[in-house]
Amino acid sequence: MSEMPDTFCWDVVVAVIGALVTVGLGLVTFLVSRYISKTRLLNLLIVDINERRAFVVDPRKVRGARETNDFKWATESVLKCRDEIRRARNEYGFGKRVHGALDSMRRACNHYLEDSSRDSDSYPIHLARLRAELDANTDQLARRPFVRALKAGRASY
C-alpha cells in the first residue's frame, strides 16, 4: 500500500483561514447593513421635516393667533416632528455627532413650543427660527455620506 502524505496541519490551516474569511465577510456585511439602515433612518427624518407645511411661514405677528386653526395645526406639526426626532435618536444608537444634531433639533422644537405658548401672536416668527435651526442641523447631518441635505418645509408646496 502506498502511504498518504500527512496533510493534517495544512487542512487545519485552510479551515482556519476559511473560517476567518467567513467571519470577516459576515462582519463587513453587518457593518454595511447597519450603516445603510442608519443612513435610511436619517434620510426618512429629513424628508419628513422637508415635507412639513408648517415650516413655510411668513414671519410676522398674527393677532389672536392662539384662536386660529393655523396656530393649532403648526403646534401639532411641531409636536409630531419632535416625536419623530426623538424616535430617530433612540433608533440610531451610538453616534456622538448625530446625537448632538438630533438633540439640538429636539431642543429647537421645545423652544418653539415654549415661545409660542408664551407669545402665540409671534408663532410665525418662532416657526421661522425653528426652521433655520432645523436647516442648520440637517446640514450637519448631511455631512455624512449619502445623507440628503433638504430644507425644512421646502417640499410641501
N, C-alpha and C. Protein backbone atom coordinates (compact mmCIF):
# COMPACT_ATOMS: atom_id res chain seq x y z
N MET A 1 0.83 -1.18 0.00
CA MET A 1 0.00 0.00 0.00
C MET A 1 0.87 1.25 0.00
N SER A 2 0.34 2.24 -0.72
CA SER A 2 1.09 3.49 -0.72
C SER A 2 0.70 4.33 0.50
N GLU A 3 1.64 5.02 0.96
CA GLU A 3 1.42 5.82 2.16
C GLU A 3 0.91 7.21 1.74
N MET A 4 -0.15 7.70 2.44
CA MET A 4 -0.72 9.01 2.14
C MET A 4 0.10 10.07 2.87
N PRO A 5 0.32 11.19 2.20
CA PRO A 5 1.09 12.24 2.86
C PRO A 5 0.29 12.82 4.04
N ASP A 6 0.98 13.27 5.06
CA ASP A 6 0.35 13.83 6.24
C ASP A 6 0.00 15.30 5.95
N THR A 7 -1.29 15.58 5.73
CA THR A 7 -1.74 16.95 5.40
C THR A 7 -2.61 17.55 6.49
N PHE A 8 -2.62 16.91 7.63
CA PHE A 8 -3.49 17.37 8.70
C PHE A 8 -3.24 18.84 9.05
N CYS A 9 -1.99 19.22 9.19
CA CYS A 9 -1.67 20.61 9.57
C CYS A 9 -2.15 21.59 8.51
N TRP A 10 -1.93 21.24 7.24
CA TRP A 10 -2.38 22.12 6.17
C TRP A 10 -3.91 22.19 6.11
N ASP A 11 -4.57 21.09 6.39
CA ASP A 11 -6.03 21.07 6.42
C ASP A 11 -6.56 21.99 7.51
N VAL A 12 -5.90 22.00 8.66
CA VAL A 12 -6.32 22.86 9.77
C VAL A 12 -6.09 24.32 9.39
N VAL A 13 -4.95 24.62 8.77
CA VAL A 13 -4.65 26.00 8.36
C VAL A 13 -5.70 26.49 7.36
N VAL A 14 -6.03 25.68 6.39
CA VAL A 14 -7.03 26.06 5.38
C VAL A 14 -8.40 26.25 6.04
N ALA A 15 -8.76 25.39 6.97
CA ALA A 15 -10.04 25.52 7.67
C ALA A 15 -10.10 26.80 8.49
N VAL A 16 -9.00 27.12 9.19
CA VAL A 16 -8.95 28.34 9.99
C VAL A 16 -9.04 29.58 9.10
N ILE A 17 -8.29 29.57 8.00
CA ILE A 17 -8.34 30.71 7.07
C ILE A 17 -9.77 30.86 6.51
N GLY A 18 -10.38 29.77 6.13
CA GLY A 18 -11.75 29.80 5.62
C GLY A 18 -12.73 30.35 6.65
N ALA A 19 -12.55 29.94 7.90
CA ALA A 19 -13.43 30.44 8.96
C ALA A 19 -13.22 31.93 9.17
N LEU A 20 -11.97 32.39 9.18
CA LEU A 20 -11.68 33.81 9.36
C LEU A 20 -12.26 34.65 8.22
N VAL A 21 -12.12 34.17 7.00
CA VAL A 21 -12.68 34.89 5.85
C VAL A 21 -14.21 34.96 5.97
N THR A 22 -14.82 33.86 6.36
CA THR A 22 -16.28 33.84 6.52
C THR A 22 -16.74 34.81 7.60
N VAL A 23 -16.05 34.81 8.73
CA VAL A 23 -16.39 35.73 9.82
C VAL A 23 -16.15 37.17 9.38
N GLY A 24 -15.06 37.41 8.68
CA GLY A 24 -14.75 38.75 8.19
C GLY A 24 -15.82 39.27 7.23
N LEU A 25 -16.24 38.42 6.31
CA LEU A 25 -17.29 38.81 5.37
C LEU A 25 -18.62 39.07 6.10
N GLY A 26 -18.90 38.25 7.08
CA GLY A 26 -20.12 38.45 7.87
C GLY A 26 -20.07 39.78 8.62
N LEU A 27 -18.93 40.10 9.19
CA LEU A 27 -18.77 41.35 9.92
C LEU A 27 -18.90 42.56 8.99
N VAL A 28 -18.26 42.50 7.84
CA VAL A 28 -18.36 43.59 6.86
C VAL A 28 -19.81 43.76 6.41
N THR A 29 -20.49 42.67 6.13
CA THR A 29 -21.89 42.72 5.72
C THR A 29 -22.75 43.35 6.81
N PHE A 30 -22.51 42.96 8.06
CA PHE A 30 -23.25 43.53 9.18
C PHE A 30 -23.02 45.03 9.28
N LEU A 31 -21.76 45.46 9.21
CA LEU A 31 -21.44 46.88 9.35
C LEU A 31 -22.02 47.71 8.21
N VAL A 32 -21.94 47.20 7.00
CA VAL A 32 -22.51 47.91 5.85
C VAL A 32 -24.03 48.00 5.99
N SER A 33 -24.65 46.91 6.38
CA SER A 33 -26.11 46.88 6.57
C SER A 33 -26.53 47.87 7.65
N ARG A 34 -25.79 47.92 8.74
CA ARG A 34 -26.11 48.85 9.82
C ARG A 34 -25.94 50.29 9.37
N TYR A 35 -24.90 50.58 8.61
CA TYR A 35 -24.68 51.93 8.11
C TYR A 35 -25.81 52.35 7.18
N ILE A 36 -26.21 51.43 6.29
CA ILE A 36 -27.31 51.72 5.36
C ILE A 36 -28.60 51.98 6.14
N SER A 37 -28.85 51.19 7.16
CA SER A 37 -30.05 51.35 7.98
C SER A 37 -30.06 52.69 8.69
N LYS A 38 -28.93 53.09 9.26
CA LYS A 38 -28.84 54.38 9.95
C LYS A 38 -28.98 55.54 8.98
N THR A 39 -28.38 55.40 7.81
CA THR A 39 -28.49 56.45 6.79
C THR A 39 -29.94 56.58 6.33
N ARG A 40 -30.60 55.47 6.14
CA ARG A 40 -32.01 55.48 5.74
C ARG A 40 -32.87 56.15 6.82
N LEU A 41 -32.60 55.86 8.07
CA LEU A 41 -33.32 56.47 9.19
C LEU A 41 -33.18 57.99 9.16
N LEU A 42 -31.96 58.48 8.98
CA LEU A 42 -31.73 59.93 8.93
C LEU A 42 -32.40 60.55 7.72
N ASN A 43 -32.32 59.89 6.57
CA ASN A 43 -32.95 60.42 5.37
C ASN A 43 -34.47 60.48 5.51
N LEU A 44 -35.07 59.47 6.13
CA LEU A 44 -36.52 59.49 6.34
C LEU A 44 -36.92 60.66 7.24
N LEU A 45 -36.14 60.91 8.28
CA LEU A 45 -36.42 62.04 9.17
C LEU A 45 -36.29 63.35 8.40
N ILE A 46 -35.24 63.50 7.63
CA ILE A 46 -35.01 64.74 6.89
C ILE A 46 -36.11 64.97 5.86
N VAL A 47 -36.55 63.91 5.19
CA VAL A 47 -37.64 64.04 4.22
C VAL A 47 -38.93 64.43 4.93
N ASP A 48 -39.18 63.84 6.10
CA ASP A 48 -40.37 64.18 6.87
C ASP A 48 -40.38 65.67 7.22
N ILE A 49 -39.26 66.19 7.67
CA ILE A 49 -39.16 67.61 8.00
C ILE A 49 -39.30 68.46 6.74
N ASN A 50 -38.72 67.99 5.65
CA ASN A 50 -38.77 68.70 4.38
C ASN A 50 -40.20 68.82 3.85
N GLU A 51 -41.04 67.86 4.16
CA GLU A 51 -42.41 67.84 3.64
C GLU A 51 -43.43 68.49 4.57
N ARG A 52 -43.00 68.99 5.71
CA ARG A 52 -43.93 69.62 6.67
C ARG A 52 -44.27 71.04 6.24
N ARG A 53 -45.53 71.24 5.96
CA ARG A 53 -46.02 72.53 5.51
C ARG A 53 -45.94 73.60 6.60
N ALA A 54 -45.94 73.19 7.84
CA ALA A 54 -45.92 74.15 8.96
C ALA A 54 -44.68 75.04 8.92
N PHE A 55 -43.61 74.58 8.31
CA PHE A 55 -42.37 75.35 8.31
C PHE A 55 -42.30 76.39 7.20
N VAL A 56 -43.35 76.48 6.40
CA VAL A 56 -43.42 77.50 5.37
C VAL A 56 -44.31 78.62 5.90
N VAL A 57 -43.68 79.67 6.41
CA VAL A 57 -44.43 80.76 7.06
C VAL A 57 -43.91 82.11 6.63
N ASP A 58 -44.77 83.08 6.78
CA ASP A 58 -44.39 84.48 6.63
C ASP A 58 -44.11 84.96 8.05
N PRO A 59 -42.85 85.22 8.41
CA PRO A 59 -42.52 85.54 9.80
C PRO A 59 -43.00 86.93 10.24
N ARG A 60 -44.25 87.00 10.58
CA ARG A 60 -44.82 88.26 11.08
C ARG A 60 -45.84 87.92 12.17
N LYS A 61 -46.14 88.89 13.00
CA LYS A 61 -47.10 88.65 14.09
C LYS A 61 -48.51 88.47 13.52
N VAL A 62 -49.27 87.63 14.21
CA VAL A 62 -50.66 87.38 13.85
C VAL A 62 -51.49 87.63 15.10
N ARG A 63 -52.32 88.66 15.05
CA ARG A 63 -53.15 88.98 16.23
C ARG A 63 -54.18 87.87 16.46
N GLY A 64 -54.28 87.48 17.72
CA GLY A 64 -55.26 86.45 18.10
C GLY A 64 -54.91 85.08 17.55
N ALA A 65 -53.64 84.82 17.36
CA ALA A 65 -53.19 83.57 16.73
C ALA A 65 -53.61 82.33 17.50
N ARG A 66 -53.67 82.43 18.83
CA ARG A 66 -53.99 81.26 19.63
C ARG A 66 -55.35 80.66 19.26
N GLU A 67 -56.25 81.48 18.75
CA GLU A 67 -57.60 81.02 18.40
C GLU A 67 -57.69 80.49 16.97
N THR A 68 -56.62 80.61 16.20
CA THR A 68 -56.69 80.19 14.80
C THR A 68 -56.34 78.71 14.64
N ASN A 69 -56.87 78.14 13.58
CA ASN A 69 -56.55 76.75 13.27
C ASN A 69 -55.10 76.60 12.85
N ASP A 70 -54.56 77.62 12.18
CA ASP A 70 -53.15 77.55 11.74
C ASP A 70 -52.20 77.39 12.92
N PHE A 71 -52.45 78.13 13.99
CA PHE A 71 -51.60 78.02 15.18
C PHE A 71 -51.68 76.61 15.77
N LYS A 72 -52.88 76.10 15.89
CA LYS A 72 -53.07 74.75 16.45
C LYS A 72 -52.42 73.70 15.54
N TRP A 73 -52.60 73.87 14.25
CA TRP A 73 -52.05 72.95 13.26
C TRP A 73 -50.51 72.98 13.30
N ALA A 74 -49.93 74.19 13.39
CA ALA A 74 -48.48 74.33 13.44
C ALA A 74 -47.92 73.69 14.70
N THR A 75 -48.60 73.91 15.83
CA THR A 75 -48.15 73.33 17.10
C THR A 75 -48.20 71.81 17.04
N GLU A 76 -49.28 71.28 16.47
CA GLU A 76 -49.40 69.83 16.31
C GLU A 76 -48.29 69.28 15.43
N SER A 77 -47.99 69.98 14.36
CA SER A 77 -46.94 69.54 13.44
C SER A 77 -45.58 69.53 14.12
N VAL A 78 -45.30 70.54 14.92
CA VAL A 78 -44.01 70.61 15.63
C VAL A 78 -43.94 69.49 16.68
N LEU A 79 -45.05 69.21 17.35
CA LEU A 79 -45.06 68.09 18.31
C LEU A 79 -44.76 66.77 17.62
N LYS A 80 -45.36 66.54 16.47
CA LYS A 80 -45.11 65.31 15.71
C LYS A 80 -43.66 65.26 15.23
N CYS A 81 -43.16 66.40 14.78
CA CYS A 81 -41.77 66.48 14.32
C CYS A 81 -40.82 66.14 15.47
N ARG A 82 -41.08 66.72 16.64
CA ARG A 82 -40.23 66.44 17.81
C ARG A 82 -40.27 64.95 18.16
N ASP A 83 -41.44 64.34 18.07
CA ASP A 83 -41.55 62.91 18.35
C ASP A 83 -40.76 62.08 17.34
N GLU A 84 -40.79 62.48 16.07
CA GLU A 84 -40.02 61.78 15.04
C GLU A 84 -38.52 61.92 15.28
N ILE A 85 -38.11 63.10 15.70
CA ILE A 85 -36.69 63.33 16.01
C ILE A 85 -36.27 62.46 17.18
N ARG A 86 -37.09 62.40 18.21
CA ARG A 86 -36.79 61.58 19.38
C ARG A 86 -36.71 60.09 18.99
N ARG A 87 -37.66 59.66 18.16
CA ARG A 87 -37.66 58.27 17.72
C ARG A 87 -36.40 57.96 16.92
N ALA A 88 -36.02 58.86 16.03
CA ALA A 88 -34.81 58.66 15.22
C ALA A 88 -33.57 58.58 16.11
N ARG A 89 -33.51 59.44 17.12
CA ARG A 89 -32.36 59.42 18.03
C ARG A 89 -32.29 58.10 18.78
N ASN A 90 -33.43 57.63 19.26
CA ASN A 90 -33.45 56.37 20.00
C ASN A 90 -33.09 55.19 19.11
N GLU A 91 -33.54 55.19 17.87
CA GLU A 91 -33.27 54.08 16.96
C GLU A 91 -31.86 54.13 16.38
N TYR A 92 -31.26 55.32 16.34
CA TYR A 92 -29.96 55.46 15.71
C TYR A 92 -28.86 54.71 16.45
N GLY A 93 -28.94 54.68 17.74
CA GLY A 93 -27.87 54.05 18.50
C GLY A 93 -26.77 55.05 18.77
N PHE A 94 -25.56 54.55 18.93
CA PHE A 94 -24.43 55.40 19.31
C PHE A 94 -23.95 56.21 18.11
N GLY A 95 -23.67 57.46 18.35
CA GLY A 95 -23.12 58.34 17.32
C GLY A 95 -23.11 59.75 17.85
N LYS A 96 -21.99 60.18 18.40
CA LYS A 96 -21.90 61.45 19.12
C LYS A 96 -22.34 62.64 18.27
N ARG A 97 -21.83 62.74 17.07
CA ARG A 97 -22.16 63.89 16.21
C ARG A 97 -23.63 63.88 15.81
N VAL A 98 -24.13 62.71 15.47
CA VAL A 98 -25.54 62.60 15.06
C VAL A 98 -26.44 62.88 16.25
N HIS A 99 -26.13 62.33 17.41
CA HIS A 99 -26.94 62.59 18.61
C HIS A 99 -26.95 64.07 18.94
N GLY A 100 -25.81 64.73 18.77
CA GLY A 100 -25.74 66.17 19.05
C GLY A 100 -26.69 66.95 18.15
N ALA A 101 -26.69 66.63 16.87
CA ALA A 101 -27.58 67.33 15.93
C ALA A 101 -29.05 67.02 16.24
N LEU A 102 -29.35 65.75 16.51
CA LEU A 102 -30.74 65.38 16.81
C LEU A 102 -31.21 66.00 18.13
N ASP A 103 -30.34 66.04 19.12
CA ASP A 103 -30.68 66.69 20.39
C ASP A 103 -30.94 68.19 20.18
N SER A 104 -30.11 68.81 19.36
CA SER A 104 -30.29 70.23 19.07
C SER A 104 -31.61 70.48 18.35
N MET A 105 -31.98 69.58 17.44
CA MET A 105 -33.26 69.69 16.73
C MET A 105 -34.43 69.55 17.71
N ARG A 106 -34.32 68.61 18.61
CA ARG A 106 -35.39 68.38 19.60
C ARG A 106 -35.52 69.59 20.52
N ARG A 107 -34.38 70.13 20.95
CA ARG A 107 -34.40 71.32 21.80
C ARG A 107 -35.02 72.52 21.07
N ALA A 108 -34.72 72.64 19.79
CA ALA A 108 -35.29 73.74 19.00
C ALA A 108 -36.82 73.62 18.94
N CYS A 109 -37.31 72.41 18.80
CA CYS A 109 -38.76 72.19 18.81
C CYS A 109 -39.34 72.57 20.17
N ASN A 110 -38.65 72.18 21.23
CA ASN A 110 -39.11 72.54 22.58
C ASN A 110 -39.12 74.05 22.78
N HIS A 111 -38.10 74.74 22.27
CA HIS A 111 -38.06 76.20 22.39
C HIS A 111 -39.24 76.83 21.64
N TYR A 112 -39.52 76.30 20.45
CA TYR A 112 -40.68 76.82 19.70
C TYR A 112 -41.95 76.65 20.53
N LEU A 113 -42.15 75.46 21.09
CA LEU A 113 -43.37 75.20 21.85
C LEU A 113 -43.47 76.12 23.07
N GLU A 114 -42.37 76.33 23.75
CA GLU A 114 -42.37 77.25 24.90
C GLU A 114 -42.61 78.69 24.47
N ASP A 115 -41.88 79.14 23.44
CA ASP A 115 -42.01 80.52 22.99
C ASP A 115 -43.40 80.82 22.43
N SER A 116 -43.94 79.88 21.66
CA SER A 116 -45.25 80.14 21.06
C SER A 116 -46.37 80.03 22.09
N SER A 117 -46.17 79.28 23.16
CA SER A 117 -47.20 79.24 24.20
C SER A 117 -47.18 80.53 25.01
N ARG A 118 -46.01 81.14 25.16
CA ARG A 118 -45.89 82.43 25.87
C ARG A 118 -46.38 83.59 25.01
N ASP A 119 -46.03 83.55 23.73
CA ASP A 119 -46.35 84.65 22.82
C ASP A 119 -46.90 84.06 21.52
N SER A 120 -48.16 83.64 21.56
CA SER A 120 -48.74 82.95 20.41
C SER A 120 -48.88 83.86 19.19
N ASP A 121 -49.01 85.15 19.38
CA ASP A 121 -49.13 86.06 18.24
C ASP A 121 -47.86 86.07 17.38
N SER A 122 -46.74 85.69 17.97
CA SER A 122 -45.46 85.67 17.24
C SER A 122 -45.09 84.26 16.78
N TYR A 123 -46.06 83.34 16.76
CA TYR A 123 -45.70 81.96 16.40
C TYR A 123 -45.06 81.83 15.02
N PRO A 124 -45.46 82.64 14.00
CA PRO A 124 -44.77 82.51 12.71
C PRO A 124 -43.28 82.88 12.80
N ILE A 125 -42.97 83.84 13.65
CA ILE A 125 -41.57 84.24 13.84
C ILE A 125 -40.81 83.09 14.53
N HIS A 126 -41.45 82.49 15.51
CA HIS A 126 -40.83 81.35 16.20
C HIS A 126 -40.66 80.17 15.25
N LEU A 127 -41.64 79.96 14.36
CA LEU A 127 -41.53 78.87 13.37
C LEU A 127 -40.37 79.13 12.41
N ALA A 128 -40.20 80.37 12.00
CA ALA A 128 -39.08 80.70 11.10
C ALA A 128 -37.74 80.43 11.78
N ARG A 129 -37.66 80.76 13.07
CA ARG A 129 -36.43 80.49 13.83
C ARG A 129 -36.21 78.98 13.94
N LEU A 130 -37.28 78.25 14.21
CA LEU A 130 -37.18 76.79 14.30
C LEU A 130 -36.72 76.21 12.96
N ARG A 131 -37.30 76.70 11.87
CA ARG A 131 -36.92 76.21 10.55
C ARG A 131 -35.43 76.44 10.30
N ALA A 132 -34.91 77.60 10.68
CA ALA A 132 -33.48 77.90 10.49
C ALA A 132 -32.62 76.94 11.31
N GLU A 133 -33.03 76.66 12.53
CA GLU A 133 -32.26 75.73 13.37
C GLU A 133 -32.32 74.31 12.83
N LEU A 134 -33.49 73.90 12.36
CA LEU A 134 -33.60 72.56 11.77
C LEU A 134 -32.74 72.46 10.51
N ASP A 135 -32.74 73.51 9.70
CA ASP A 135 -31.92 73.50 8.48
C ASP A 135 -30.44 73.39 8.81
N ALA A 136 -29.99 74.13 9.82
CA ALA A 136 -28.58 74.08 10.21
C ALA A 136 -28.19 72.68 10.69
N ASN A 137 -29.06 72.06 11.46
CA ASN A 137 -28.77 70.71 11.96
C ASN A 137 -28.89 69.66 10.86
N THR A 138 -29.80 69.88 9.93
CA THR A 138 -29.90 68.97 8.78
C THR A 138 -28.62 69.04 7.95
N ASP A 139 -28.10 70.25 7.78
CA ASP A 139 -26.83 70.40 7.06
C ASP A 139 -25.70 69.65 7.77
N GLN A 140 -25.72 69.69 9.10
CA GLN A 140 -24.71 68.97 9.88
C GLN A 140 -24.86 67.46 9.67
N LEU A 141 -26.09 66.97 9.69
CA LEU A 141 -26.32 65.53 9.45
C LEU A 141 -25.91 65.14 8.04
N ALA A 142 -26.10 66.05 7.10
CA ALA A 142 -25.82 65.75 5.69
C ALA A 142 -24.32 65.69 5.39
N ARG A 143 -23.49 65.97 6.38
CA ARG A 143 -22.04 65.80 6.18
C ARG A 143 -21.68 64.32 6.09
N ARG A 144 -22.57 63.48 6.60
CA ARG A 144 -22.35 62.04 6.48
C ARG A 144 -22.62 61.63 5.03
N PRO A 145 -21.85 60.71 4.49
CA PRO A 145 -22.10 60.27 3.11
C PRO A 145 -23.50 59.69 2.96
N PHE A 146 -24.14 60.02 1.86
CA PHE A 146 -25.44 59.51 1.45
C PHE A 146 -26.62 60.06 2.25
N VAL A 147 -26.38 61.05 3.11
CA VAL A 147 -27.49 61.69 3.83
C VAL A 147 -27.82 62.97 3.07
N ARG A 148 -29.10 63.12 2.76
CA ARG A 148 -29.54 64.24 1.92
C ARG A 148 -29.63 65.53 2.73
N ALA A 149 -29.33 66.64 2.10
CA ALA A 149 -29.42 67.95 2.73
C ALA A 149 -30.65 68.67 2.18
N LEU A 150 -31.80 68.39 2.77
CA LEU A 150 -33.05 69.03 2.36
C LEU A 150 -33.43 70.07 3.40
N LYS A 151 -34.15 71.08 2.98
CA LYS A 151 -34.54 72.17 3.87
C LYS A 151 -35.97 71.96 4.38
N ALA A 152 -36.20 72.40 5.61
CA ALA A 152 -37.49 72.21 6.26
C ALA A 152 -38.61 72.90 5.49
N GLY A 153 -39.63 72.13 5.18
CA GLY A 153 -40.83 72.65 4.55
C GLY A 153 -40.75 72.94 3.07
N ARG A 154 -39.60 72.78 2.45
CA ARG A 154 -39.44 73.19 1.06
C ARG A 154 -40.20 72.30 0.08
N ALA A 155 -40.49 71.07 0.43
CA ALA A 155 -41.17 70.16 -0.48
C ALA A 155 -42.68 70.15 -0.27
N SER A 156 -43.17 71.00 0.61
CA SER A 156 -44.59 70.94 0.95
C SER A 156 -45.47 71.63 -0.09
N TYR A 157 -44.87 72.43 -0.94
CA TYR A 157 -45.66 73.10 -1.99
C TYR A 157 -45.12 72.76 -3.35
